[in-house]
């Protein structure tokens, strides 16, 4: 298996979430509402799966190793651009969390910010994924030996294995936090 294989599989799941985000934003044009729970779920997906897990493998393994190679100027520029797009996605997701909290606090004007941040993510990811799938990943294979790719794949699997533990350790630490965090969780999980 090539190193780009698992990354491209992850892209397909990210595309499915982006389609759900696009659908939700389109529906919000009629209703002028977006369910805060949907935004929480989208944020969790983007933060844990798309960024921490997927971008984590790209930046901490693939790009790290490629950075040590004599990349062409074009390939190095592409890699830098991809990393910058990851940063934009992170900043947008953080801003989305803030806007969603404002909506929960009753600020009806914040719905526009939520929609804007969701739209930014929905516009960013398809182009980003296309760049990686069609341009950067094929080009990057030329710099890697079969042995290097197999070592990276092994590192990918180990990275993924640790992610579930990191995720749920964070969940428990959050629940162990302040009473306010626990009451917010109760509010979110309580039936109406």
Protein backbone atom coordinates (compact mmCIF):
# COMPACT_ATOMS: atom_id res chain seq x y z
CA UNK A 1 0.00 0.00 0.00
CA UNK A 2 1.15 3.52 -0.77
CA UNK A 3 1.31 6.10 2.03
CA UNK A 4 -1.34 8.23 0.33
CA UNK A 5 -3.89 5.38 0.47
CA UNK A 6 -5.08 5.80 4.07
CA UNK A 7 -4.97 9.59 3.75
CA UNK A 8 -7.22 9.44 0.71
CA UNK A 9 -9.63 7.09 2.50
CA UNK A 10 -9.83 9.67 5.29
CA UNK A 11 -10.52 12.34 2.68
CA UNK A 12 -13.64 10.47 1.57
CA UNK A 13 -15.08 10.61 5.11
CA UNK A 14 -14.16 14.29 5.45
CA UNK A 15 -15.97 14.97 2.17
CA UNK A 16 -19.09 13.28 3.56
CA UNK A 17 -19.04 15.54 6.63
CA UNK A 18 -18.47 18.59 4.44
CA UNK A 19 -21.54 17.59 2.38
CA UNK A 20 -23.58 17.50 5.61
CA UNK A 21 -22.25 20.93 6.58
CA UNK A 22 -23.16 22.31 3.15
CA UNK A 23 -26.66 20.84 3.41
CA UNK A 24 -27.14 22.30 6.89
CA UNK A 25 -26.00 25.75 5.79
CA UNK A 26 -28.32 25.60 2.75
CA UNK A 27 -31.28 24.61 4.95
CA UNK A 28 -30.45 27.44 7.34
CA UNK A 29 -31.11 29.93 4.54
CA UNK A 30 -34.81 29.03 4.84
CA UNK A 31 -35.06 28.50 8.59
CA UNK A 32 -32.44 31.01 9.78
CA UNK A 33 -31.46 28.37 12.37
CA UNK A 34 -28.72 25.82 12.84
CA UNK A 35 -28.92 23.31 15.67
CA UNK A 36 -26.11 23.95 18.16
CA UNK A 37 -25.78 20.17 18.59
CA UNK A 38 -25.01 19.81 14.86
CA UNK A 39 -22.33 22.50 15.18
CA UNK A 40 -20.87 20.71 18.21
CA UNK A 41 -20.76 17.47 16.22
CA UNK A 42 -19.18 19.17 13.21
CA UNK A 43 -16.60 20.86 15.44
CA UNK A 44 -15.77 17.54 17.12
CA UNK A 45 -15.37 15.86 13.72
CA UNK A 46 -13.22 18.64 12.26
CA UNK A 47 -11.11 18.96 15.42
CA UNK A 48 -10.55 15.29 16.23
CA UNK A 49 -10.82 13.51 12.90
CA UNK A 50 -9.94 16.02 10.17
CA UNK A 51 -7.37 18.05 12.09
CA UNK A 52 -5.88 16.06 14.94
CA UNK A 53 -6.03 12.63 13.26
CA UNK A 54 -5.79 13.34 9.52
CA UNK A 55 -3.77 16.56 9.45
CA UNK A 56 -1.74 15.15 12.33
CA UNK A 57 -0.54 12.27 10.18
CA UNK A 58 0.18 14.60 7.29
CA UNK A 59 2.09 17.22 9.29
CA UNK A 60 3.73 15.03 11.95
CA UNK A 61 4.71 12.14 9.70
CA UNK A 62 4.44 12.67 5.92
CA UNK A 63 5.35 16.37 5.75
CA UNK A 64 7.98 15.95 8.46
CA UNK A 65 9.77 13.29 6.42
CA UNK A 66 9.29 15.11 3.12
CA UNK A 67 10.72 18.28 4.63
CA UNK A 68 14.04 16.42 4.97
CA UNK A 69 14.07 15.65 1.23
CA UNK A 70 15.28 17.81 -1.65
CA UNK A 71 11.80 18.76 -2.80
CA UNK A 72 11.35 20.81 -5.93
CA UNK A 73 10.44 24.44 -5.31
CA UNK A 74 6.91 23.72 -6.54
CA UNK A 75 6.44 20.72 -4.23
CA UNK A 76 7.86 22.59 -1.24
CA UNK A 77 5.54 25.54 -1.98
CA UNK A 78 2.57 23.17 -2.21
CA UNK A 79 3.45 21.57 1.12
CA UNK A 80 3.71 24.97 2.78
CA UNK A 81 0.37 25.99 1.26
CA UNK A 82 -1.29 22.82 2.54
CA UNK A 83 0.01 23.48 6.05
CA UNK A 84 -1.28 27.06 5.87
CA UNK A 85 -4.71 25.72 4.89
CA UNK A 86 -4.63 23.44 7.94
CA UNK A 87 -4.00 26.53 10.06
CA UNK A 88 -6.96 28.34 8.45
CA UNK A 89 -9.19 25.34 9.21
CA UNK A 90 -8.04 25.36 12.86
CA UNK A 91 -8.67 29.09 13.27
CA UNK A 92 -12.06 28.84 11.58
CA UNK A 93 -13.06 25.94 13.81
CA UNK A 94 -12.06 27.87 16.94
CA UNK A 95 -14.09 30.86 15.75
CA UNK A 96 -17.01 28.51 15.06
CA UNK A 97 -16.90 27.28 18.67
CA UNK A 98 -17.08 30.87 19.94
CA UNK A 99 -19.94 31.78 17.58
CA UNK A 100 -21.87 28.65 18.54
CA UNK A 101 -21.48 29.53 22.24
CA UNK A 102 -22.83 33.00 21.49
CA UNK A 103 -25.86 31.40 19.81
CA UNK A 104 -26.43 29.22 22.86
CA UNK A 105 -26.32 32.35 25.00
CA UNK A 106 -29.18 33.83 23.01
CA UNK A 107 -27.32 36.11 20.59
CA UNK A 108 -29.45 35.70 17.49
CA UNK A 109 -26.95 37.74 15.46
CA UNK A 110 -24.33 35.04 16.06
CA UNK A 111 -26.13 32.66 13.69
CA UNK A 112 -24.61 34.62 10.79
CA UNK A 113 -21.12 34.00 12.20
CA UNK A 114 -21.87 30.28 12.64
CA UNK A 115 -23.06 30.03 9.04
CA UNK A 116 -20.06 32.00 7.80
CA UNK A 117 -17.56 29.75 9.59
CA UNK A 118 -19.32 26.60 8.41
CA UNK A 119 -19.31 27.99 4.85
CA UNK A 120 -15.57 28.75 5.12
CA UNK A 121 -14.88 25.13 6.10
CA UNK A 122 -17.17 23.83 3.35
CA UNK A 123 -15.35 25.96 0.78
CA UNK A 124 -11.85 25.17 2.06
CA UNK A 125 -11.88 21.39 2.37
CA UNK A 126 -12.91 20.26 -1.15
CA UNK A 127 -10.22 22.40 -2.79
CA UNK A 128 -7.66 21.37 -0.19
CA UNK A 129 -8.45 17.68 -0.64
CA UNK A 130 -8.30 17.97 -4.42
CA UNK A 131 -4.84 19.58 -4.20
CA UNK A 132 -3.58 16.77 -2.01
CA UNK A 133 -5.21 13.88 -3.92
CA UNK A 134 -4.46 15.06 -7.44
CA UNK A 135 -1.24 17.05 -7.12
CA UNK A 136 0.74 16.76 -3.91
CA UNK A 137 0.30 13.10 -2.96
CA UNK A 138 1.25 11.78 -6.42
CA UNK A 139 4.26 14.11 -6.55
CA UNK A 140 5.38 13.20 -3.03
CA UNK A 141 5.61 9.49 -3.87
CA UNK A 142 8.60 10.22 -6.10
CA UNK A 143 10.60 11.26 -3.03
CA UNK A 144 9.93 8.15 -0.95
CA UNK A 145 11.35 4.65 -1.21
CA UNK A 146 9.12 1.64 -0.62
CA UNK A 147 10.82 1.12 2.74
CA UNK A 148 10.17 4.74 3.77
CA UNK A 149 6.51 4.45 2.80
CA UNK A 150 6.11 1.22 4.76
CA UNK A 151 7.73 2.82 7.82
CA UNK A 152 5.35 5.78 7.50
CA UNK A 153 2.35 3.48 7.21
CA UNK A 154 3.41 1.74 10.41
CA UNK A 155 3.74 5.13 12.08
CA UNK A 156 0.25 6.08 10.76
CA UNK A 157 -1.28 2.98 12.38
CA UNK A 158 0.44 3.73 15.69
CA UNK A 159 -0.69 7.36 15.49
CA UNK A 160 -4.30 6.25 14.94
CA UNK A 161 -4.10 3.69 17.74
CA UNK A 162 -3.18 6.40 20.23
CA UNK A 163 -5.85 8.86 19.04
CA UNK A 164 -8.85 7.12 20.63
CA UNK A 165 -7.12 7.19 23.99
CA UNK A 166 -6.21 10.85 23.61
CA UNK A 167 -9.80 11.73 22.64
CA UNK A 168 -11.48 10.03 25.56
CA UNK A 169 -8.87 11.08 28.09
CA UNK A 170 -9.78 14.63 27.07
CA UNK A 171 -13.51 13.87 27.47
CA UNK A 172 -13.01 12.56 31.00
CA UNK A 173 -10.77 15.48 31.94
CA UNK A 174 -13.48 17.84 30.71
CA UNK A 175 -16.11 16.07 32.80
CA UNK A 176 -13.85 16.24 35.82
CA UNK A 177 -13.66 20.02 35.35
CA UNK A 178 -15.79 22.70 36.89
CA UNK A 179 -19.41 22.32 37.95
CA UNK A 180 -20.31 24.71 35.13
CA UNK A 181 -18.95 22.25 32.57
CA UNK A 182 -20.95 19.44 34.16
CA UNK A 183 -24.16 21.49 34.20
CA UNK A 184 -23.63 22.43 30.53
CA UNK A 185 -23.23 18.78 29.67
CA UNK A 186 -26.38 17.95 31.64
CA UNK A 187 -28.25 20.67 29.79
CA UNK A 188 -27.11 19.27 26.44
CA UNK A 189 -28.04 15.70 27.31
CA UNK A 190 -31.32 16.40 29.14
CA UNK A 191 -34.54 15.68 27.26
CA UNK A 192 -36.73 18.70 26.62
